[in-house]
Amino acid sequence: MITLIGGLVFVVALFALLWFFCRKFLEHHGVTDNVQDRATVLATWTFAGISVGLLFAVVGAFVLGPWAFYRTLRGHGVDISDGAAIWWGFGIVAAALGITAVGFFGFLMAVGAY
């Protein structure tokens, strides 16, 4: 039961990291209006892409996550090239998944499940 609750906490942590990185990305690229809402939309679709990608294989998260980031970003009118948007999406997905994975494996070791 503790592992299940811990897993849910880390799902929330993954979304929070995605939201934070998306917000910083938008601020870095000069977006000033509705940054919170835009970051939420961008993080939600990126999270959805990661989730669907994880169903197929772990590698799918690194394909569908950046693709969802790129497709959503196109609707926000941020002045960035297509290639750079995909690489930024990949970096955001990799960083968020990496931080979450390290934390979750540390949690599993702490509770003796790993």
N, C-alpha and C. Protein backbone atom coordinates (compact mmCIF):
# COMPACT_ATOMS: atom_id res chain seq x y z
N MET A 1 0.82 -1.19 0.00
CA MET A 1 0.00 0.00 0.00
C MET A 1 0.88 1.27 0.00
N ILE A 2 1.95 1.24 0.77
CA ILE A 2 2.85 2.39 0.82
C ILE A 2 3.48 2.62 -0.55
N THR A 3 3.84 1.54 -1.23
CA THR A 3 4.44 1.66 -2.56
C THR A 3 3.45 2.26 -3.55
N LEU A 4 2.19 1.86 -3.47
CA LEU A 4 1.16 2.40 -4.36
C LEU A 4 0.97 3.90 -4.13
N ILE A 5 0.87 4.30 -2.87
CA ILE A 5 0.72 5.72 -2.53
C ILE A 5 1.96 6.50 -2.97
N GLY A 6 3.14 5.92 -2.73
CA GLY A 6 4.38 6.56 -3.17
C GLY A 6 4.42 6.72 -4.68
N GLY A 7 3.94 5.71 -5.40
CA GLY A 7 3.89 5.80 -6.86
C GLY A 7 2.99 6.94 -7.32
N LEU A 8 1.85 7.09 -6.68
CA LEU A 8 0.93 8.17 -7.03
C LEU A 8 1.56 9.54 -6.74
N VAL A 9 2.28 9.63 -5.64
CA VAL A 9 2.96 10.88 -5.30
C VAL A 9 3.98 11.23 -6.38
N PHE A 10 4.69 10.21 -6.89
CA PHE A 10 5.69 10.47 -7.91
C PHE A 10 5.07 10.78 -9.27
N VAL A 11 3.86 10.31 -9.54
CA VAL A 11 3.15 10.72 -10.76
C VAL A 11 2.83 12.21 -10.67
N VAL A 12 2.37 12.64 -9.50
CA VAL A 12 2.11 14.07 -9.30
C VAL A 12 3.41 14.87 -9.40
N ALA A 13 4.48 14.32 -8.86
CA ALA A 13 5.78 14.99 -8.94
C ALA A 13 6.25 15.11 -10.39
N LEU A 14 6.00 14.09 -11.21
CA LEU A 14 6.37 14.15 -12.62
C LEU A 14 5.62 15.27 -13.32
N PHE A 15 4.32 15.39 -13.07
CA PHE A 15 3.56 16.46 -13.69
C PHE A 15 4.05 17.83 -13.21
N ALA A 16 4.34 17.93 -11.91
CA ALA A 16 4.83 19.20 -11.37
C ALA A 16 6.16 19.59 -12.01
N LEU A 17 7.05 18.64 -12.21
CA LEU A 17 8.32 18.93 -12.87
C LEU A 17 8.10 19.36 -14.31
N LEU A 18 7.21 18.66 -15.02
CA LEU A 18 6.91 19.05 -16.40
C LEU A 18 6.36 20.46 -16.44
N TRP A 19 5.45 20.79 -15.54
CA TRP A 19 4.86 22.12 -15.50
C TRP A 19 5.95 23.17 -15.24
N PHE A 20 6.81 22.90 -14.27
CA PHE A 20 7.88 23.84 -13.93
C PHE A 20 8.81 24.06 -15.13
N PHE A 21 9.24 22.97 -15.77
CA PHE A 21 10.14 23.10 -16.91
C PHE A 21 9.46 23.80 -18.09
N CYS A 22 8.18 23.51 -18.31
CA CYS A 22 7.46 24.18 -19.40
C CYS A 22 7.32 25.68 -19.11
N ARG A 23 7.04 26.02 -17.86
CA ARG A 23 6.94 27.43 -17.50
C ARG A 23 8.26 28.15 -17.71
N LYS A 24 9.34 27.53 -17.27
CA LYS A 24 10.67 28.14 -17.46
C LYS A 24 11.00 28.26 -18.95
N PHE A 25 10.62 27.26 -19.74
CA PHE A 25 10.84 27.31 -21.17
C PHE A 25 10.11 28.49 -21.79
N LEU A 26 8.84 28.65 -21.45
CA LEU A 26 8.05 29.75 -22.00
C LEU A 26 8.61 31.11 -21.58
N GLU A 27 9.00 31.23 -20.32
CA GLU A 27 9.59 32.49 -19.85
C GLU A 27 10.91 32.77 -20.55
N HIS A 28 11.69 31.72 -20.77
CA HIS A 28 12.98 31.88 -21.46
C HIS A 28 12.79 32.37 -22.89
N HIS A 29 11.69 32.00 -23.50
CA HIS A 29 11.42 32.39 -24.89
C HIS A 29 10.52 33.61 -24.99
N GLY A 30 10.41 34.38 -23.93
CA GLY A 30 9.76 35.68 -23.98
C GLY A 30 8.24 35.69 -23.86
N VAL A 31 7.64 34.57 -23.48
CA VAL A 31 6.19 34.55 -23.29
C VAL A 31 5.88 35.20 -21.95
N THR A 32 5.03 36.22 -21.95
CA THR A 32 4.72 36.93 -20.70
C THR A 32 3.25 36.89 -20.33
N ASP A 33 2.36 36.70 -21.29
CA ASP A 33 0.93 36.70 -20.97
C ASP A 33 0.42 35.27 -20.78
N ASN A 34 -0.35 35.07 -19.72
CA ASN A 34 -0.94 33.76 -19.38
C ASN A 34 0.10 32.65 -19.28
N VAL A 35 1.24 32.91 -18.70
CA VAL A 35 2.30 31.91 -18.62
C VAL A 35 1.84 30.70 -17.83
N GLN A 36 1.13 30.92 -16.73
CA GLN A 36 0.68 29.80 -15.89
C GLN A 36 -0.25 28.88 -16.68
N ASP A 37 -1.22 29.46 -17.36
CA ASP A 37 -2.18 28.66 -18.12
C ASP A 37 -1.51 27.97 -19.31
N ARG A 38 -0.67 28.67 -19.99
CA ARG A 38 0.04 28.08 -21.13
C ARG A 38 0.95 26.95 -20.69
N ALA A 39 1.63 27.13 -19.56
CA ALA A 39 2.49 26.07 -19.04
C ALA A 39 1.66 24.86 -18.64
N THR A 40 0.48 25.09 -18.09
CA THR A 40 -0.39 23.98 -17.71
C THR A 40 -0.84 23.19 -18.93
N VAL A 41 -1.25 23.89 -19.98
CA VAL A 41 -1.67 23.20 -21.21
C VAL A 41 -0.49 22.44 -21.82
N LEU A 42 0.65 23.08 -21.89
CA LEU A 42 1.84 22.44 -22.46
C LEU A 42 2.25 21.22 -21.64
N ALA A 43 2.25 21.34 -20.33
CA ALA A 43 2.62 20.22 -19.46
C ALA A 43 1.59 19.10 -19.53
N THR A 44 0.31 19.45 -19.63
CA THR A 44 -0.73 18.42 -19.69
C THR A 44 -0.59 17.56 -20.94
N TRP A 45 -0.41 18.20 -22.08
CA TRP A 45 -0.27 17.43 -23.32
C TRP A 45 1.04 16.66 -23.36
N THR A 46 2.10 17.23 -22.82
CA THR A 46 3.38 16.52 -22.75
C THR A 46 3.25 15.31 -21.84
N PHE A 47 2.58 15.48 -20.70
CA PHE A 47 2.34 14.37 -19.77
C PHE A 47 1.51 13.29 -20.44
N ALA A 48 0.49 13.69 -21.21
CA ALA A 48 -0.33 12.71 -21.92
C ALA A 48 0.50 11.94 -22.94
N GLY A 49 1.38 12.62 -23.64
CA GLY A 49 2.25 11.96 -24.60
C GLY A 49 3.19 10.97 -23.92
N ILE A 50 3.73 11.37 -22.80
CA ILE A 50 4.61 10.47 -22.03
C ILE A 50 3.81 9.25 -21.57
N SER A 51 2.62 9.48 -21.05
CA SER A 51 1.81 8.38 -20.53
C SER A 51 1.45 7.37 -21.61
N VAL A 52 1.03 7.84 -22.75
CA VAL A 52 0.71 6.94 -23.86
C VAL A 52 1.98 6.23 -24.34
N GLY A 53 3.07 6.97 -24.40
CA GLY A 53 4.34 6.38 -24.81
C GLY A 53 4.82 5.29 -23.87
N LEU A 54 4.57 5.45 -22.58
CA LEU A 54 4.98 4.43 -21.61
C LEU A 54 4.17 3.15 -21.76
N LEU A 55 2.96 3.25 -22.29
CA LEU A 55 2.16 2.05 -22.51
C LEU A 55 2.77 1.15 -23.57
N PHE A 56 3.37 1.73 -24.59
CA PHE A 56 3.95 0.94 -25.67
C PHE A 56 5.32 0.40 -25.29
N ALA A 57 6.14 1.23 -24.77
CA ALA A 57 7.48 0.87 -24.31
C ALA A 57 8.05 2.12 -23.68
N VAL A 58 9.03 1.96 -22.86
CA VAL A 58 9.63 3.12 -22.20
C VAL A 58 10.15 4.11 -23.24
N VAL A 59 10.68 3.61 -24.33
CA VAL A 59 11.22 4.46 -25.38
C VAL A 59 10.11 5.32 -25.99
N GLY A 60 8.88 4.83 -26.01
CA GLY A 60 7.76 5.58 -26.56
C GLY A 60 7.54 6.90 -25.85
N ALA A 61 7.84 6.96 -24.57
CA ALA A 61 7.69 8.21 -23.82
C ALA A 61 8.63 9.28 -24.34
N PHE A 62 9.79 8.86 -24.83
CA PHE A 62 10.78 9.80 -25.34
C PHE A 62 10.50 10.18 -26.79
N VAL A 63 9.50 9.55 -27.39
CA VAL A 63 9.07 9.92 -28.74
C VAL A 63 7.78 10.73 -28.67
N LEU A 64 6.78 10.17 -28.00
CA LEU A 64 5.47 10.83 -27.94
C LEU A 64 5.46 12.06 -27.03
N GLY A 65 6.25 12.06 -25.97
CA GLY A 65 6.33 13.22 -25.08
C GLY A 65 6.83 14.46 -25.80
N PRO A 66 8.02 14.39 -26.44
CA PRO A 66 8.49 15.56 -27.20
C PRO A 66 7.58 15.94 -28.36
N TRP A 67 6.98 14.93 -29.01
CA TRP A 67 6.06 15.23 -30.10
C TRP A 67 4.86 16.00 -29.59
N ALA A 68 4.29 15.58 -28.44
CA ALA A 68 3.15 16.30 -27.86
C ALA A 68 3.56 17.71 -27.44
N PHE A 69 4.76 17.86 -26.89
CA PHE A 69 5.28 19.18 -26.53
C PHE A 69 5.35 20.06 -27.77
N TYR A 70 5.93 19.53 -28.84
CA TYR A 70 6.08 20.28 -30.09
C TYR A 70 4.73 20.68 -30.67
N ARG A 71 3.79 19.75 -30.74
CA ARG A 71 2.47 20.04 -31.33
C ARG A 71 1.72 21.09 -30.51
N THR A 72 1.81 21.00 -29.20
CA THR A 72 1.14 21.97 -28.35
C THR A 72 1.83 23.33 -28.44
N LEU A 73 3.13 23.32 -28.50
CA LEU A 73 3.90 24.57 -28.59
C LEU A 73 3.58 25.33 -29.87
N ARG A 74 3.33 24.64 -30.95
CA ARG A 74 2.97 25.28 -32.21
C ARG A 74 1.72 26.14 -32.06
N GLY A 75 0.80 25.74 -31.18
CA GLY A 75 -0.42 26.50 -30.97
C GLY A 75 -0.23 27.73 -30.09
N HIS A 76 0.93 27.86 -29.45
CA HIS A 76 1.18 29.00 -28.57
C HIS A 76 1.90 30.14 -29.25
N GLY A 77 2.31 29.97 -30.48
CA GLY A 77 2.95 31.05 -31.22
C GLY A 77 4.31 31.46 -30.70
N VAL A 78 5.06 30.54 -30.10
CA VAL A 78 6.40 30.85 -29.63
C VAL A 78 7.35 30.83 -30.82
N ASP A 79 8.18 31.85 -30.92
CA ASP A 79 9.11 31.98 -32.05
C ASP A 79 10.31 31.08 -31.83
N ILE A 80 10.21 29.84 -32.34
CA ILE A 80 11.29 28.86 -32.21
C ILE A 80 11.17 27.90 -33.39
N SER A 81 12.30 27.42 -33.87
CA SER A 81 12.27 26.51 -35.02
C SER A 81 11.69 25.16 -34.61
N ASP A 82 11.24 24.41 -35.61
CA ASP A 82 10.64 23.10 -35.33
C ASP A 82 11.64 22.15 -34.67
N GLY A 83 12.86 22.12 -35.20
CA GLY A 83 13.88 21.24 -34.63
C GLY A 83 14.22 21.60 -33.19
N ALA A 84 14.35 22.89 -32.92
CA ALA A 84 14.66 23.33 -31.56
C ALA A 84 13.51 23.00 -30.61
N ALA A 85 12.28 23.13 -31.07
CA ALA A 85 11.12 22.81 -30.23
C ALA A 85 11.11 21.33 -29.86
N ILE A 86 11.43 20.48 -30.82
CA ILE A 86 11.47 19.03 -30.54
C ILE A 86 12.59 18.71 -29.57
N TRP A 87 13.77 19.32 -29.75
CA TRP A 87 14.88 19.06 -28.83
C TRP A 87 14.60 19.61 -27.44
N TRP A 88 13.97 20.77 -27.35
CA TRP A 88 13.58 21.29 -26.04
C TRP A 88 12.59 20.33 -25.38
N GLY A 89 11.63 19.84 -26.15
CA GLY A 89 10.66 18.88 -25.62
C GLY A 89 11.34 17.62 -25.12
N PHE A 90 12.30 17.13 -25.91
CA PHE A 90 13.03 15.94 -25.48
C PHE A 90 13.79 16.20 -24.19
N GLY A 91 14.44 17.34 -24.10
CA GLY A 91 15.19 17.69 -22.88
C GLY A 91 14.28 17.80 -21.67
N ILE A 92 13.12 18.42 -21.84
CA ILE A 92 12.18 18.56 -20.73
C ILE A 92 11.67 17.19 -20.29
N VAL A 93 11.32 16.35 -21.26
CA VAL A 93 10.84 15.00 -20.94
C VAL A 93 11.94 14.19 -20.25
N ALA A 94 13.13 14.22 -20.79
CA ALA A 94 14.24 13.45 -20.20
C ALA A 94 14.57 13.92 -18.79
N ALA A 95 14.61 15.22 -18.58
CA ALA A 95 14.93 15.74 -17.25
C ALA A 95 13.84 15.38 -16.25
N ALA A 96 12.58 15.58 -16.61
CA ALA A 96 11.48 15.28 -15.69
C ALA A 96 11.41 13.79 -15.37
N LEU A 97 11.52 12.94 -16.40
CA LEU A 97 11.49 11.50 -16.16
C LEU A 97 12.70 11.04 -15.36
N GLY A 98 13.87 11.59 -15.66
CA GLY A 98 15.08 11.20 -14.93
C GLY A 98 15.01 11.55 -13.45
N ILE A 99 14.61 12.77 -13.15
CA ILE A 99 14.50 13.19 -11.75
C ILE A 99 13.46 12.35 -11.02
N THR A 100 12.33 12.13 -11.67
CA THR A 100 11.27 11.32 -11.04
C THR A 100 11.72 9.89 -10.84
N ALA A 101 12.39 9.30 -11.81
CA ALA A 101 12.85 7.92 -11.69
C ALA A 101 13.86 7.75 -10.56
N VAL A 102 14.80 8.67 -10.46
CA VAL A 102 15.79 8.59 -9.38
C VAL A 102 15.09 8.70 -8.02
N GLY A 103 14.15 9.63 -7.90
CA GLY A 103 13.42 9.77 -6.65
C GLY A 103 12.59 8.56 -6.32
N PHE A 104 11.94 7.98 -7.34
CA PHE A 104 11.09 6.81 -7.10
C PHE A 104 11.92 5.59 -6.72
N PHE A 105 13.05 5.36 -7.37
CA PHE A 105 13.90 4.24 -7.00
C PHE A 105 14.49 4.44 -5.61
N GLY A 106 14.81 5.68 -5.26
CA GLY A 106 15.24 5.96 -3.89
C GLY A 106 14.14 5.66 -2.89
N PHE A 107 12.91 6.01 -3.23
CA PHE A 107 11.77 5.70 -2.37
C PHE A 107 11.60 4.20 -2.23
N LEU A 108 11.69 3.46 -3.34
CA LEU A 108 11.55 1.99 -3.27
C LEU A 108 12.63 1.37 -2.40
N MET A 109 13.85 1.89 -2.50
CA MET A 109 14.92 1.37 -1.65
C MET A 109 14.67 1.70 -0.18
N ALA A 110 14.12 2.88 0.08
CA ALA A 110 13.85 3.30 1.46
C ALA A 110 12.78 2.42 2.12
N VAL A 111 11.80 1.98 1.35
CA VAL A 111 10.73 1.15 1.93
C VAL A 111 11.04 -0.34 1.81
N GLY A 112 12.20 -0.67 1.22
CA GLY A 112 12.62 -2.07 1.14
C GLY A 112 11.97 -2.85 0.01
N ALA A 113 11.40 -2.17 -0.96
CA ALA A 113 10.75 -2.86 -2.07
C ALA A 113 11.70 -3.09 -3.25
N TYR A 114 12.89 -2.54 -3.17
CA TYR A 114 13.84 -2.67 -4.27
C TYR A 114 15.20 -3.00 -3.73
